[in-house]
Amino acid sequence: MTPMSRGVAHESEVLVRQLEGRLSTLRATRARLGSAPDDLDLAEQLVATLRRLIADTAHASATDRGRVRAAVHYFVGLRNARDSVRFHRTLADDVRVVHEMVRGLTP
């Protein structure tokens, strides 16, 4: 395995762990606050899609990997984590924005 492919593999593992952490948080919040089951289903579908994109772009261009990485970071809330805007977004908003971010990935 080349150093570059090890780096991409590590990055992929980190992104998947970030997705799993966000999903765990959503599950805990649902259990505590009783949010709608549809919200959790939507989040699980989005995480599954992002996981597939991480795997599918592991050997893609740096641009495509960057778009997927940005979509994951958006969903997990790594950007502007201290900004209260994160708490006003719905999962439907996340799905819409993530879709826009990854639309047009090179097949």
Foldseek 3Di string as FASTA:
>chain_A
DDPLLVVLVVVLVVLLVLLVVLLVVVVVCCVVVVDDPVQSVLSVVVSVVLNVQSVVCSVPDPVLNVLSSVLSCVSSVVPPVVDCVNVVDGSVNSVVVNCVSNPPRDD
